[in-house]
Amino acid sequence: MDPTERIRAQLTLSDQSQLRALREFLSWASPGARVLQIQRLDMLTLLAPGGALLATVRMLPEFLSPRETLTITIAIDGTSVTLTATNIAEVLPALNTLIS
């Protein structure tokens, strides 16, 4: 895969009221990525090269930490994983596989 090729990841949250906060966090945390909010689908789409996408995912526990019950489901090419404040170590290998 071309390292500059953008990957599309769709993010959904267990609490839709946090969607705007996540969009703002991602806009700040991943300047090399494009963050789009799709209102009618209640999700965010993140477009980024693979390395930038992984770096962004590694920052998500920072967003999730104060929101202990919140989960983020990340879907890439029809395969999804669910991220919580405590499971990044288990989820990261699966995301590496999806992105590469």
PDB file of N, CA and C in Angstrom:
ATOM      1  N   MET A   1       0.839  -1.184   0.000  1.00  0.00           N
ATOM      2  CA  MET A   1       0.000   0.000   0.000  1.00  0.00           C
ATOM      3  C   MET A   1       0.884   1.247   0.000  1.00  0.00           C
ATOM      4  N   ASP A   2       0.522   2.216  -0.795  1.00  0.00           N
ATOM      5  CA  ASP A   2       1.220   3.493  -0.875  1.00  0.00           C
ATOM      6  C   ASP A   2       1.091   4.208   0.471  1.00  0.00           C
ATOM      7  N   PRO A   3       2.230   4.594   1.117  1.00  0.00           N
ATOM      8  CA  PRO A   3       2.155   5.216   2.436  1.00  0.00           C
ATOM      9  C   PRO A   3       1.436   6.569   2.451  1.00  0.00           C
ATOM     10  N   THR A   4       1.272   7.189   1.274  1.00  0.00           N
ATOM     11  CA  THR A   4       0.561   8.468   1.232  1.00  0.00           C
ATOM     12  C   THR A   4      -0.926   8.287   0.905  1.00  0.00           C
ATOM     13  N   GLU A   5      -1.322   7.058   0.565  1.00  0.00           N
ATOM     14  CA  GLU A   5      -2.722   6.794   0.246  1.00  0.00           C
ATOM     15  C   GLU A   5      -3.587   7.008   1.484  1.00  0.00           C
ATOM     16  N   ARG A   6      -4.659   7.745   1.299  1.00  0.00           N
ATOM     17  CA  ARG A   6      -5.552   8.015   2.426  1.00  0.00           C
ATOM     18  C   ARG A   6      -6.477   6.835   2.674  1.00  0.00           C
ATOM     19  N   ILE A   7      -6.647   6.536   3.936  1.00  0.00           N
ATOM     20  CA  ILE A   7      -7.528   5.462   4.364  1.00  0.00           C
ATOM     21  C   ILE A   7      -8.756   6.094   4.998  1.00  0.00           C
ATOM     22  N   ARG A   8      -9.905   5.524   4.710  1.00  0.00           N
ATOM     23  CA  ARG A   8     -11.158   6.036   5.274  1.00  0.00           C
ATOM     24  C   ARG A   8     -11.543   5.165   6.467  1.00  0.00           C
ATOM     25  N   ALA A   9     -11.679   5.814   7.616  1.00  0.00           N
ATOM     26  CA  ALA A   9     -12.131   5.134   8.827  1.00  0.00           C
ATOM     27  C   ALA A   9     -13.416   5.812   9.286  1.00  0.00           C
ATOM     28  N   GLN A  10     -14.423   5.016   9.571  1.00  0.00           N
ATOM     29  CA  GLN A  10     -15.682   5.555  10.075  1.00  0.00           C
ATOM     30  C   GLN A  10     -15.742   5.309  11.570  1.00  0.00           C
ATOM     31  N   LEU A  11     -16.050   6.356  12.317  1.00  0.00           N
ATOM     32  CA  LEU A  11     -16.090   6.274  13.763  1.00  0.00           C
ATOM     33  C   LEU A  11     -17.508   6.530  14.259  1.00  0.00           C
ATOM     34  N   THR A  12     -18.005   5.630  15.078  1.00  0.00           N
ATOM     35  CA  THR A  12     -19.302   5.819  15.729  1.00  0.00           C
ATOM     36  C   THR A  12     -19.082   5.709  17.227  1.00  0.00           C
ATOM     37  N   LEU A  13     -19.930   6.386  17.959  1.00  0.00           N
ATOM     38  CA  LEU A  13     -19.793   6.416  19.415  1.00  0.00           C
ATOM     39  C   LEU A  13     -21.003   5.800  20.095  1.00  0.00           C
ATOM     40  N   SER A  14     -20.766   5.256  21.283  1.00  0.00           N
ATOM     41  CA  SER A  14     -21.865   4.696  22.061  1.00  0.00           C
ATOM     42  C   SER A  14     -22.767   5.801  22.609  1.00  0.00           C
ATOM     43  N   ASP A  15     -22.239   7.013  22.715  1.00  0.00           N
ATOM     44  CA  ASP A  15     -23.011   8.169  23.188  1.00  0.00           C
ATOM     45  C   ASP A  15     -22.905   9.259  22.121  1.00  0.00           C
ATOM     46  N   GLN A  16     -23.945   9.404  21.326  1.00  0.00           N
ATOM     47  CA  GLN A  16     -23.923  10.355  20.212  1.00  0.00           C
ATOM     48  C   GLN A  16     -23.730  11.800  20.650  1.00  0.00           C
ATOM     49  N   SER A  17     -24.040  12.113  21.895  1.00  0.00           N
ATOM     50  CA  SER A  17     -23.863  13.493  22.363  1.00  0.00           C
ATOM     51  C   SER A  17     -22.383  13.889  22.413  1.00  0.00           C
ATOM     52  N   GLN A  18     -21.471  12.917  22.323  1.00  0.00           N
ATOM     53  CA  GLN A  18     -20.037  13.189  22.361  1.00  0.00           C
ATOM     54  C   GLN A  18     -19.420  13.338  20.968  1.00  0.00           C
ATOM     55  N   LEU A  19     -20.248  13.245  19.937  1.00  0.00           N
ATOM     56  CA  LEU A  19     -19.759  13.286  18.558  1.00  0.00           C
ATOM     57  C   LEU A  19     -19.033  14.594  18.238  1.00  0.00           C
ATOM     58  N   ARG A  20     -19.609  15.694  18.628  1.00  0.00           N
ATOM     59  CA  ARG A  20     -18.976  16.994  18.350  1.00  0.00           C
ATOM     60  C   ARG A  20     -17.652  17.131  19.100  1.00  0.00           C
ATOM     61  N   ALA A  21     -17.634  16.691  20.352  1.00  0.00           N
ATOM     62  CA  ALA A  21     -16.393  16.758  21.136  1.00  0.00           C
ATOM     63  C   ALA A  21     -15.305  15.899  20.499  1.00  0.00           C
ATOM     64  N   LEU A  22     -15.679  14.722  19.994  1.00  0.00           N
ATOM     65  CA  LEU A  22     -14.700  13.868  19.330  1.00  0.00           C
ATOM     66  C   LEU A  22     -14.211  14.512  18.038  1.00  0.00           C
ATOM     67  N   ARG A  23     -15.105  15.118  17.281  1.00  0.00           N
ATOM     68  CA  ARG A  23     -14.699  15.802  16.048  1.00  0.00           C
ATOM     69  C   ARG A  23     -13.686  16.905  16.354  1.00  0.00           C
ATOM     70  N   GLU A  24     -13.938  17.679  17.374  1.00  0.00           N
ATOM     71  CA  GLU A  24     -13.015  18.753  17.742  1.00  0.00           C
ATOM     72  C   GLU A  24     -11.675  18.185  18.213  1.00  0.00           C
ATOM     73  N   PHE A  25     -11.724  17.112  19.002  1.00  0.00           N
ATOM     74  CA  PHE A  25     -10.500  16.466  19.471  1.00  0.00           C
ATOM     75  C   PHE A  25      -9.679  15.958  18.291  1.00  0.00           C
ATOM     76  N   LEU A  26     -10.326  15.272  17.362  1.00  0.00           N
ATOM     77  CA  LEU A  26      -9.610  14.723  16.202  1.00  0.00           C
ATOM     78  C   LEU A  26      -9.041  15.831  15.323  1.00  0.00           C
ATOM     79  N   SER A  27      -9.763  16.922  15.175  1.00  0.00           N
ATOM     80  CA  SER A  27      -9.264  18.046  14.375  1.00  0.00           C
ATOM     81  C   SER A  27      -7.990  18.614  14.983  1.00  0.00           C
ATOM     82  N   TRP A  28      -7.935  18.623  16.305  1.00  0.00           N
ATOM     83  CA  TRP A  28      -6.747  19.106  17.004  1.00  0.00           C
ATOM     84  C   TRP A  28      -5.640  18.052  17.012  1.00  0.00           C
ATOM     85  N   ALA A  29      -5.999  16.792  17.270  1.00  0.00           N
ATOM     86  CA  ALA A  29      -5.026  15.723  17.474  1.00  0.00           C
ATOM     87  C   ALA A  29      -4.415  15.199  16.182  1.00  0.00           C
ATOM     88  N   SER A  30      -5.093  15.377  15.073  1.00  0.00           N
ATOM     89  CA  SER A  30      -4.587  14.812  13.823  1.00  0.00           C
ATOM     90  C   SER A  30      -4.621  15.838  12.705  1.00  0.00           C
ATOM     91  N   PRO A  31      -3.678  16.789  12.741  1.00  0.00           N
ATOM     92  CA  PRO A  31      -3.684  17.841  11.717  1.00  0.00           C
ATOM     93  C   PRO A  31      -3.461  17.317  10.303  1.00  0.00           C
ATOM     94  N   GLY A  32      -2.891  16.125  10.140  1.00  0.00           N
ATOM     95  CA  GLY A  32      -2.669  15.567   8.812  1.00  0.00           C
ATOM     96  C   GLY A  32      -3.861  14.787   8.285  1.00  0.00           C
ATOM     97  N   ALA A  33      -4.936  14.790   9.037  1.00  0.00           N
ATOM     98  CA  ALA A  33      -6.124  14.020   8.652  1.00  0.00           C
ATOM     99  C   ALA A  33      -7.289  14.959   8.391  1.00  0.00           C
ATOM    100  N   ARG A  34      -8.216  14.469   7.636  1.00  0.00           N
ATOM    101  CA  ARG A  34      -9.453  15.201   7.390  1.00  0.00           C
ATOM    102  C   ARG A  34     -10.553  14.560   8.218  1.00  0.00           C
ATOM    103  N   VAL A  35     -11.270  15.363   8.982  1.00  0.00           N
ATOM    104  CA  VAL A  35     -12.336  14.861   9.833  1.00  0.00           C
ATOM    105  C   VAL A  35     -13.656  15.412   9.308  1.00  0.00           C
ATOM    106  N   LEU A  36     -14.552  14.505   8.930  1.00  0.00           N
ATOM    107  CA  LEU A  36     -15.844  14.901   8.393  1.00  0.00           C
ATOM    108  C   LEU A  36     -16.945  14.366   9.296  1.00  0.00           C
ATOM    109  N   GLN A  37     -17.901  15.203   9.617  1.00  0.00           N
ATOM    110  CA  GLN A  37     -19.037  14.743  10.400  1.00  0.00           C
ATOM    111  C   GLN A  37     -20.221  14.546   9.467  1.00  0.00           C
ATOM    112  N   ILE A  38     -20.758  13.347   9.474  1.00  0.00           N
ATOM    113  CA  ILE A  38     -21.903  13.028   8.633  1.00  0.00           C
ATOM    114  C   ILE A  38     -23.131  13.041   9.530  1.00  0.00           C
ATOM    115  N   GLN A  39     -23.860  14.157   9.499  1.00  0.00           N
ATOM    116  CA  GLN A  39     -24.962  14.400  10.428  1.00  0.00           C
ATOM    117  C   GLN A  39     -26.029  13.316  10.382  1.00  0.00           C
ATOM    118  N   ARG A  40     -26.494  12.978   9.201  1.00  0.00           N
ATOM    119  CA  ARG A  40     -27.628  12.062   9.119  1.00  0.00           C
ATOM    120  C   ARG A  40     -27.276  10.637   9.523  1.00  0.00           C
ATOM    121  N   LEU A  41     -25.975  10.318   9.558  1.00  0.00           N
ATOM    122  CA  LEU A  41     -25.551   8.972   9.945  1.00  0.00           C
ATOM    123  C   LEU A  41     -24.981   8.913  11.357  1.00  0.00           C
ATOM    124  N   ASP A  42     -24.883  10.042  12.028  1.00  0.00           N
ATOM    125  CA  ASP A  42     -24.341  10.105  13.386  1.00  0.00           C
ATOM    126  C   ASP A  42     -22.978   9.428  13.493  1.00  0.00           C
ATOM    127  N   MET A  43     -22.075   9.811  12.607  1.00  0.00           N
ATOM    128  CA  MET A  43     -20.729   9.252  12.623  1.00  0.00           C
ATOM    129  C   MET A  43     -19.735  10.287  12.122  1.00  0.00           C
ATOM    130  N   LEU A  44     -18.469   9.991  12.360  1.00  0.00           N
ATOM    131  CA  LEU A  44     -17.381  10.785  11.812  1.00  0.00           C
ATOM    132  C   LEU A  44     -16.634   9.935  10.804  1.00  0.00           C
ATOM    133  N   THR A  45     -16.133  10.562   9.768  1.00  0.00           N
ATOM    134  CA  THR A  45     -15.260   9.894   8.823  1.00  0.00           C
ATOM    135  C   THR A  45     -13.903  10.561   8.936  1.00  0.00           C
ATOM    136  N   LEU A  46     -12.886   9.745   9.095  1.00  0.00           N
ATOM    137  CA  LEU A  46     -11.522  10.224   9.214  1.00  0.00           C
ATOM    138  C   LEU A  46     -10.764   9.749   7.981  1.00  0.00           C
ATOM    139  N   LEU A  47     -10.203  10.682   7.230  1.00  0.00           N
ATOM    140  CA  LEU A  47      -9.397  10.363   6.039  1.00  0.00           C
ATOM    141  C   LEU A  47      -7.955  10.743   6.336  1.00  0.00           C
ATOM    142  N   ALA A  48      -7.067   9.740   6.300  1.00  0.00           N
ATOM    143  CA  ALA A  48      -5.673  10.010   6.645  1.00  0.00           C
ATOM    144  C   ALA A  48      -4.790   8.912   6.066  1.00  0.00           C
ATOM    145  N   PRO A  49      -3.514   9.235   5.808  1.00  0.00           N
ATOM    146  CA  PRO A  49      -2.565   8.174   5.462  1.00  0.00           C
ATOM    147  C   PRO A  49      -2.465   7.196   6.640  1.00  0.00           C
ATOM    148  N   GLY A  50      -2.074   5.955   6.373  1.00  0.00           N
ATOM    149  CA  GLY A  50      -2.038   4.919   7.399  1.00  0.00           C
ATOM    150  C   GLY A  50      -1.300   5.308   8.670  1.00  0.00           C
ATOM    151  N   GLY A  51      -0.125   5.892   8.534  1.00  0.00           N
ATOM    152  CA  GLY A  51       0.657   6.284   9.708  1.00  0.00           C
ATOM    153  C   GLY A  51      -0.044   7.338  10.546  1.00  0.00           C
ATOM    154  N   ALA A  52      -0.646   8.310   9.891  1.00  0.00           N
ATOM    155  CA  ALA A  52      -1.372   9.359  10.606  1.00  0.00           C
ATOM    156  C   ALA A  52      -2.615   8.790  11.288  1.00  0.00           C
ATOM    157  N   LEU A  53      -3.255   7.828  10.637  1.00  0.00           N
ATOM    158  CA  LEU A  53      -4.433   7.199  11.219  1.00  0.00           C
ATOM    159  C   LEU A  53      -4.066   6.431  12.486  1.00  0.00           C
ATOM    160  N   LEU A  54      -2.980   5.677  12.439  1.00  0.00           N
ATOM    161  CA  LEU A  54      -2.531   4.956  13.637  1.00  0.00           C
ATOM    162  C   LEU A  54      -2.148   5.911  14.753  1.00  0.00           C
ATOM    163  N   ALA A  55      -1.469   6.988  14.418  1.00  0.00           N
ATOM    164  CA  ALA A  55      -1.092   7.975  15.434  1.00  0.00           C
ATOM    165  C   ALA A  55      -2.330   8.571  16.086  1.00  0.00           C
ATOM    166  N   THR A  56      -3.354   8.812  15.289  1.00  0.00           N
ATOM    167  CA  THR A  56      -4.601   9.354  15.819  1.00  0.00           C
ATOM    168  C   THR A  56      -5.276   8.355  16.746  1.00  0.00           C
ATOM    169  N   VAL A  57      -5.325   7.101  16.340  1.00  0.00           N
ATOM    170  CA  VAL A  57      -5.946   6.069  17.172  1.00  0.00           C
ATOM    171  C   VAL A  57      -5.219   5.946  18.506  1.00  0.00           C
ATOM    172  N   ARG A  58      -3.911   6.071  18.485  1.00  0.00           N
ATOM    173  CA  ARG A  58      -3.136   5.990  19.731  1.00  0.00           C
ATOM    174  C   ARG A  58      -3.483   7.123  20.688  1.00  0.00           C
ATOM    175  N   MET A  59      -4.018   8.223  20.170  1.00  0.00           N
ATOM    176  CA  MET A  59      -4.396   9.351  21.028  1.00  0.00           C
ATOM    177  C   MET A  59      -5.820   9.230  21.566  1.00  0.00           C
ATOM    178  N   LEU A  60      -6.619   8.359  20.992  1.00  0.00           N
ATOM    179  CA  LEU A  60      -8.017   8.257  21.404  1.00  0.00           C
ATOM    180  C   LEU A  60      -8.219   7.910  22.879  1.00  0.00           C
ATOM    181  N   PRO A  61      -7.349   7.103  23.517  1.00  0.00           N
ATOM    182  CA  PRO A  61      -7.547   6.877  24.951  1.00  0.00           C
ATOM    183  C   PRO A  61      -7.534   8.167  25.779  1.00  0.00           C
ATOM    184  N   GLU A  62      -6.805   9.161  25.284  1.00  0.00           N
ATOM    185  CA  GLU A  62      -6.795  10.466  25.952  1.00  0.00           C
ATOM    186  C   GLU A  62      -8.204  11.084  25.930  1.00  0.00           C
ATOM    187  N   PHE A  63      -8.908  10.910  24.830  1.00  0.00           N
ATOM    188  CA  PHE A  63     -10.284  11.390  24.719  1.00  0.00           C
ATOM    189  C   PHE A  63     -11.224  10.533  25.565  1.00  0.00           C
ATOM    190  N   LEU A  64     -11.005   9.235  25.548  1.00  0.00           N
ATOM    191  CA  LEU A  64     -11.902   8.308  26.242  1.00  0.00           C
ATOM    192  C   LEU A  64     -11.710   8.288  27.764  1.00  0.00           C
ATOM    193  N   SER A  65     -10.523   8.575  28.228  1.00  0.00           N
ATOM    194  CA  SER A  65     -10.198   8.428  29.644  1.00  0.00           C
ATOM    195  C   SER A  65     -11.191   9.084  30.601  1.00  0.00           C
ATOM    196  N   PRO A  66     -11.535  10.348  30.419  1.00  0.00           N
ATOM    197  CA  PRO A  66     -12.501  10.941  31.348  1.00  0.00           C
ATOM    198  C   PRO A  66     -13.947  10.487  31.096  1.00  0.00           C
ATOM    199  N   ARG A  67     -14.151   9.761  30.022  1.00  0.00           N
ATOM    200  CA  ARG A  67     -15.489   9.285  29.646  1.00  0.00           C
ATOM    201  C   ARG A  67     -15.478   7.755  29.715  1.00  0.00           C
ATOM    202  N   GLU A  68     -15.327   7.216  30.893  1.00  0.00           N
ATOM    203  CA  GLU A  68     -15.046   5.800  31.104  1.00  0.00           C
ATOM    204  C   GLU A  68     -16.025   4.841  30.435  1.00  0.00           C
ATOM    205  N   THR A  69     -17.272   5.218  30.293  1.00  0.00           N
ATOM    206  CA  THR A  69     -18.249   4.289  29.721  1.00  0.00           C
ATOM    207  C   THR A  69     -18.413   4.445  28.213  1.00  0.00           C
ATOM    208  N   LEU A  70     -17.763   5.426  27.625  1.00  0.00           N
ATOM    209  CA  LEU A  70     -17.873   5.681  26.192  1.00  0.00           C
ATOM    210  C   LEU A  70     -17.044   4.676  25.396  1.00  0.00           C
ATOM    211  N   THR A  71     -17.575   4.226  24.277  1.00  0.00           N
ATOM    212  CA  THR A  71     -16.822   3.379  23.348  1.00  0.00           C
ATOM    213  C   THR A  71     -16.849   4.031  21.968  1.00  0.00           C
ATOM    214  N   ILE A  72     -15.798   3.776  21.215  1.00  0.00           N
ATOM    215  CA  ILE A  72     -15.703   4.247  19.836  1.00  0.00           C
ATOM    216  C   ILE A  72     -15.521   3.019  18.958  1.00  0.00           C
ATOM    217  N   THR A  73     -16.387   2.867  17.978  1.00  0.00           N
ATOM    218  CA  THR A  73     -16.241   1.784  17.016  1.00  0.00           C
ATOM    219  C   THR A  73     -15.612   2.365  15.759  1.00  0.00           C
ATOM    220  N   ILE A  74     -14.519   1.754  15.339  1.00  0.00           N
ATOM    221  CA  ILE A  74     -13.772   2.199  14.171  1.00  0.00           C
ATOM    222  C   ILE A  74     -13.944   1.146  13.081  1.00  0.00           C
ATOM    223  N   ALA A  75     -14.487   1.559  11.938  1.00  0.00           N
ATOM    224  CA  ALA A  75     -14.703   0.635  10.821  1.00  0.00           C
ATOM    225  C   ALA A  75     -13.844   1.057   9.636  1.00  0.00           C
ATOM    226  N   ILE A  76     -13.118   0.085   9.094  1.00  0.00           N
ATOM    227  CA  ILE A  76     -12.287   0.295   7.912  1.00  0.00           C
ATOM    228  C   ILE A  76     -12.581  -0.857   6.967  1.00  0.00           C
ATOM    229  N   ASP A  77     -13.009  -0.524   5.760  1.00  0.00           N
ATOM    230  CA  ASP A  77     -13.307  -1.545   4.742  1.00  0.00           C
ATOM    231  C   ASP A  77     -14.237  -2.640   5.253  1.00  0.00           C
ATOM    232  N   GLY A  78     -15.255  -2.265   6.001  1.00  0.00           N
ATOM    233  CA  GLY A  78     -16.253  -3.231   6.448  1.00  0.00           C
ATOM    234  C   GLY A  78     -15.880  -4.036   7.682  1.00  0.00           C
ATOM    235  N   THR A  79     -14.674  -3.868   8.192  1.00  0.00           N
ATOM    236  CA  THR A  79     -14.253  -4.556   9.413  1.00  0.00           C
ATOM    237  C   THR A  79     -14.185  -3.527  10.527  1.00  0.00           C
ATOM    238  N   SER A  80     -14.718  -3.877  11.694  1.00  0.00           N
ATOM    239  CA  SER A  80     -14.733  -2.895  12.775  1.00  0.00           C
ATOM    240  C   SER A  80     -14.135  -3.454  14.056  1.00  0.00           C
ATOM    241  N   VAL A  81     -13.620  -2.528  14.852  1.00  0.00           N
ATOM    242  CA  VAL A  81     -13.121  -2.832  16.193  1.00  0.00           C
ATOM    243  C   VAL A  81     -13.698  -1.772  17.124  1.00  0.00           C
ATOM    244  N   THR A  82     -13.852  -2.146  18.379  1.00  0.00           N
ATOM    245  CA  THR A  82     -14.393  -1.206  19.363  1.00  0.00           C
ATOM    246  C   THR A  82     -13.304  -0.854  20.353  1.00  0.00           C
ATOM    247  N   LEU A  83     -13.122   0.441  20.548  1.00  0.00           N
ATOM    248  CA  LEU A  83     -12.079   0.972  21.418  1.00  0.00           C
ATOM    249  C   LEU A  83     -12.714   1.527  22.688  1.00  0.00           C
ATOM    250  N   THR A  84     -12.090   1.202  23.821  1.00  0.00           N
ATOM    251  CA  THR A  84     -12.498   1.769  25.109  1.00  0.00           C
ATOM    252  C   THR A  84     -11.284   2.463  25.718  1.00  0.00           C
ATOM    253  N   ALA A  85     -11.468   3.046  26.861  1.00  0.00           N
ATOM    254  CA  ALA A  85     -10.352   3.727  27.521  1.00  0.00           C
ATOM    255  C   ALA A  85      -9.255   2.753  27.932  1.00  0.00           C
ATOM    256  N   THR A  86      -9.569   1.472  28.044  1.00  0.00           N
ATOM    257  CA  THR A  86      -8.598   0.520  28.577  1.00  0.00           C
ATOM    258  C   THR A  86      -8.132  -0.569  27.614  1.00  0.00           C
ATOM    259  N   ASN A  87      -8.668  -0.651  26.400  1.00  0.00           N
ATOM    260  CA  ASN A  87      -8.307  -1.786  25.546  1.00  0.00           C
ATOM    261  C   ASN A  87      -7.426  -1.452  24.338  1.00  0.00           C
ATOM    262  N   ILE A  88      -6.757  -0.323  24.329  1.00  0.00           N
ATOM    263  CA  ILE A  88      -5.953   0.073  23.175  1.00  0.00           C
ATOM    264  C   ILE A  88      -4.883  -0.966  22.842  1.00  0.00           C
ATOM    265  N   ALA A  89      -4.275  -1.604  23.845  1.00  0.00           N
ATOM    266  CA  ALA A  89      -3.225  -2.594  23.592  1.00  0.00           C
ATOM    267  C   ALA A  89      -3.778  -3.787  22.816  1.00  0.00           C
ATOM    268  N   GLU A  90      -5.020  -4.170  23.072  1.00  0.00           N
ATOM    269  CA  GLU A  90      -5.624  -5.297  22.368  1.00  0.00           C
ATOM    270  C   GLU A  90      -6.104  -4.900  20.967  1.00  0.00           C
ATOM    271  N   VAL A  91      -6.557  -3.670  20.804  1.00  0.00           N
ATOM    272  CA  VAL A  91      -7.155  -3.222  19.553  1.00  0.00           C
ATOM    273  C   VAL A  91      -6.110  -2.792  18.526  1.00  0.00           C
ATOM    274  N   LEU A  92      -5.011  -2.243  18.968  1.00  0.00           N
ATOM    275  CA  LEU A  92      -4.006  -1.701  18.050  1.00  0.00           C
ATOM    276  C   LEU A  92      -3.488  -2.727  17.038  1.00  0.00           C
ATOM    277  N   PRO A  93      -3.176  -3.972  17.415  1.00  0.00           N
ATOM    278  CA  PRO A  93      -2.743  -4.931  16.405  1.00  0.00           C
ATOM    279  C   PRO A  93      -3.783  -5.173  15.309  1.00  0.00           C
ATOM    280  N   ALA A  94      -5.061  -5.217  15.690  1.00  0.00           N
ATOM    281  CA  ALA A  94      -6.127  -5.401  14.693  1.00  0.00           C
ATOM    282  C   ALA A  94      -6.196  -4.210  13.753  1.00  0.00           C
ATOM    283  N   LEU A  95      -6.033  -3.009  14.291  1.00  0.00           N
ATOM    284  CA  LEU A  95      -6.047  -1.813  13.444  1.00  0.00           C
ATOM    285  C   LEU A  95      -4.832  -1.774  12.532  1.00  0.00           C
ATOM    286  N   ASN A  96      -3.679  -2.190  13.036  1.00  0.00           N
ATOM    287  CA  ASN A  96      -2.483  -2.259  12.183  1.00  0.00           C
ATOM    288  C   ASN A  96      -2.736  -3.146  10.985  1.00  0.00           C
ATOM    289  N   THR A  97      -3.391  -4.279  11.216  1.00  0.00           N
ATOM    290  CA  THR A  97      -3.704  -5.203  10.136  1.00  0.00           C
ATOM    291  C   THR A  97      -4.670  -4.581   9.147  1.00  0.00           C
ATOM    292  N   LEU A  98      -5.685  -3.897   9.635  1.00  0.00           N
ATOM    293  CA  LEU A  98      -6.662  -3.266   8.750  1.00  0.00           C
ATOM    294  C   LEU A  98      -6.032  -2.171   7.896  1.00  0.00           C
ATOM    295  N   ILE A  99      -5.115  -1.435   8.474  1.00  0.00           N
ATOM    296  CA  ILE A  99      -4.541  -0.280   7.792  1.00  0.00           C
ATOM    297  C   ILE A  99      -3.443  -0.686   6.803  1.00  0.00           C
ATOM    298  N   SER A 100      -2.728  -1.744   7.095  1.00  0.00           N
ATOM    299  CA  SER A 100      -1.632  -2.122   6.198  1.00  0.00           C
ATOM    300  C   SER A 100      -2.052  -3.043   5.083  1.00  0.00           C
TER     301      SER A 100
END
